[in-house]
């Protein structure tokens, strides 16, 4: 009969959460939000459900379409692929957090000016990826922009307009 190895100290110290709801605090768009969530709740579900931040869209729910893109600290992530309980102390920024009050983020303004929105389902994720790109590289070329949006699925085909919007914004930043 095969014997299984004993748990080491590290795994023995790990805590088990659930099966019921557990308390967490999500730091979203500069505010702390205490929540009770089931351990299986994704970050996308927590944002849209109890927090009411419906700008983050859930489309494939498998991390393949990027509609649910948010920033975790400064990293672009698919929020449907991260459990809310895994976020910990990290900062979450959603599409609602990009605008400064009533003033839209420059990427949001560029999307409007260049008609880079159609049905709007993929738009928040595209905006988040493009804003992250420009935060790290204010003057990206076409190749960098295409790489930044390569994981986004847009059924309406707004890619050429997104490219025009970000290229125009990158050029305007140089003025």
Foldseek 3Di string as FASTA:
>chain_A
DDDDDDDDPVVVPDDDDDCFWDWDWAAELNDTDIDTDGQLAFQLCCCCPPVVNPCQADDPLPQQAQLRWWQFQLRTGRRSPHGPVPSHPTYIYFCVSQADVPRHHLLVVLCVVLVLDDPSSSVRRLSRLLVSLCVVPLQDDLVSSCVSCVRHDDPVPSVVSSSVSSNVRSVVVVD
